[in-house]
C-alpha atoms as a PDB file:
ATOM      1  CA  UNK A   1      -0.063   0.015  -0.070  1.00  0.00           C
ATOM      2  CA  UNK A   2       1.405   3.311  -1.077  1.00  0.00           C
ATOM      3  CA  UNK A   3       1.290   6.001   1.597  1.00  0.00           C
ATOM      4  CA  UNK A   4       2.164   9.751   1.109  1.00  0.00           C
ATOM      5  CA  UNK A   5       5.211   9.696   3.414  1.00  0.00           C
ATOM      6  CA  UNK A   6       6.917   6.919   1.505  1.00  0.00           C
ATOM      7  CA  UNK A   7       6.655   7.688  -2.197  1.00  0.00           C
ATOM      8  CA  UNK A   8       7.266   4.904  -4.620  1.00  0.00           C
ATOM      9  CA  UNK A   9       9.336   5.195  -7.923  1.00  0.00           C
ATOM     10  CA  UNK A  10      10.840   3.012 -10.304  1.00  0.00           C
ATOM     11  CA  UNK A  11      14.358   1.879 -10.275  1.00  0.00           C
ATOM     12  CA  UNK A  12      16.326   1.990 -13.432  1.00  0.00           C
ATOM     13  CA  UNK A  13      19.513   1.022 -15.062  1.00  0.00           C
ATOM     14  CA  UNK A  14      20.561   2.869 -18.369  1.00  0.00           C
ATOM     15  CA  UNK A  15      23.830   1.694 -19.741  1.00  0.00           C
ATOM     16  CA  UNK A  16      25.815   4.195 -22.236  1.00  0.00           C
ATOM     17  CA  UNK A  17      28.901   3.800 -24.304  1.00  0.00           C
ATOM     18  CA  UNK A  18      32.024   5.555 -22.742  1.00  0.00           C
ATOM     19  CA  UNK A  19      32.854   6.150 -19.098  1.00  0.00           C
ATOM     20  CA  UNK A  20      31.437   9.218 -17.204  1.00  0.00           C
ATOM     21  CA  UNK A  21      32.815  10.936 -14.182  1.00  0.00           C
ATOM     22  CA  UNK A  22      30.848  10.874 -10.933  1.00  0.00           C
ATOM     23  CA  UNK A  23      30.212  14.555 -11.186  1.00  0.00           C
ATOM     24  CA  UNK A  24      27.589  14.029 -13.905  1.00  0.00           C
ATOM     25  CA  UNK A  25      25.259  12.166 -11.257  1.00  0.00           C
ATOM     26  CA  UNK A  26      23.605  15.447 -10.131  1.00  0.00           C
ATOM     27  CA  UNK A  27      23.030  16.260 -13.688  1.00  0.00           C
ATOM     28  CA  UNK A  28      21.387  13.035 -14.530  1.00  0.00           C
ATOM     29  CA  UNK A  29      18.853  13.066 -11.903  1.00  0.00           C
ATOM     30  CA  UNK A  30      21.020  11.788  -8.945  1.00  0.00           C
ATOM     31  CA  UNK A  31      21.543   8.417 -10.572  1.00  0.00           C
ATOM     32  CA  UNK A  32      24.633   6.473  -9.320  1.00  0.00           C
ATOM     33  CA  UNK A  33      27.529   6.303 -12.058  1.00  0.00           C
ATOM     34  CA  UNK A  34      29.155   2.830 -12.192  1.00  0.00           C
ATOM     35  CA  UNK A  35      31.956   2.582 -14.572  1.00  0.00           C
ATOM     36  CA  UNK A  36      32.222  -1.009 -16.122  1.00  0.00           C
ATOM     37  CA  UNK A  37      35.468  -2.664 -17.533  1.00  0.00           C
ATOM     38  CA  UNK A  38      33.966  -3.307 -21.044  1.00  0.00           C
ATOM     39  CA  UNK A  39      34.033   0.619 -21.657  1.00  0.00           C
ATOM     40  CA  UNK A  40      30.573   1.297 -20.632  1.00  0.00           C
ATOM     41  CA  UNK A  41      28.794   3.310 -17.750  1.00  0.00           C
ATOM     42  CA  UNK A  42      25.748   2.006 -15.957  1.00  0.00           C
ATOM     43  CA  UNK A  43      23.400   4.765 -14.602  1.00  0.00           C
ATOM     44  CA  UNK A  44      21.212   3.523 -11.818  1.00  0.00           C
ATOM     45  CA  UNK A  45      18.706   4.509  -9.273  1.00  0.00           C
ATOM     46  CA  UNK A  46      15.017   5.642  -8.750  1.00  0.00           C
ATOM     47  CA  UNK A  47      13.062   7.874 -11.176  1.00  0.00           C
ATOM     48  CA  UNK A  48       9.716   9.320 -10.102  1.00  0.00           C
ATOM     49  CA  UNK A  49       7.934   8.640 -13.439  1.00  0.00           C
ATOM     50  CA  UNK A  50       8.263   8.358 -17.169  1.00  0.00           C
ATOM     51  CA  UNK A  51       8.821  12.103 -17.666  1.00  0.00           C
ATOM     52  CA  UNK A  52      11.978  11.741 -15.321  1.00  0.00           C
ATOM     53  CA  UNK A  53      13.173   8.785 -17.285  1.00  0.00           C
ATOM     54  CA  UNK A  54      12.774  10.691 -20.486  1.00  0.00           C
ATOM     55  CA  UNK A  55      14.599  13.828 -18.945  1.00  0.00           C
ATOM     56  CA  UNK A  56      17.532  11.528 -18.260  1.00  0.00           C
ATOM     57  CA  UNK A  57      17.706  10.071 -21.836  1.00  0.00           C
ATOM     58  CA  UNK A  58      17.200  13.456 -23.365  1.00  0.00           C
ATOM     59  CA  UNK A  59      20.439  14.573 -21.399  1.00  0.00           C
ATOM     60  CA  UNK A  60      22.115  11.394 -22.444  1.00  0.00           C
ATOM     61  CA  UNK A  61      21.424  12.326 -26.023  1.00  0.00           C
ATOM     62  CA  UNK A  62      22.759  16.014 -25.478  1.00  0.00           C
ATOM     63  CA  UNK A  63      26.024  14.667 -24.198  1.00  0.00           C
ATOM     64  CA  UNK A  64      26.377  12.859 -27.272  1.00  0.00           C
ATOM     65  CA  UNK A  65      26.654   9.393 -25.513  1.00  0.00           C
ATOM     66  CA  UNK A  66      25.304   6.303 -27.423  1.00  0.00           C
ATOM     67  CA  UNK A  67      22.612   4.975 -25.237  1.00  0.00           C
ATOM     68  CA  UNK A  68      23.015   0.912 -25.009  1.00  0.00           C
ATOM     69  CA  UNK A  69      20.062  -0.012 -22.872  1.00  0.00           C
ATOM     70  CA  UNK A  70      17.572   0.878 -20.562  1.00  0.00           C
ATOM     71  CA  UNK A  71      16.037  -1.539 -17.984  1.00  0.00           C
ATOM     72  CA  UNK A  72      13.391  -1.194 -15.331  1.00  0.00           C
ATOM     73  CA  UNK A  73      14.709  -3.371 -12.493  1.00  0.00           C
ATOM     74  CA  UNK A  74      11.965  -2.816  -9.850  1.00  0.00           C
ATOM     75  CA  UNK A  75      10.008  -0.303  -7.450  1.00  0.00           C
ATOM     76  CA  UNK A  76      11.864   1.741  -5.023  1.00  0.00           C
ATOM     77  CA  UNK A  77      10.611   3.092  -1.714  1.00  0.00           C
ATOM     78  CA  UNK A  78      12.003   6.178  -0.248  1.00  0.00           C
ATOM     79  CA  UNK A  79      11.240   6.411   3.583  1.00  0.00           C
ATOM     80  CA  UNK A  80      11.441   9.647   5.164  1.00  0.00           C
END
């Protein structure tokens, strides 16, 4: 059951070609930045809705990074 003090969002993992520095996390909606040995970066974390997801995808496009995959990995509940 969803309550007002425990918003539920979806957790996503987006994989891009190339390595991003950690400093891009804030600009990309607070997603964590995990560089992989294969030369890709996984951006992971909760996004409130589809508009938030599309916003992150737009920013990835604006950086000129090839987007390799987008995966919803499950619900995320933030307790305050």
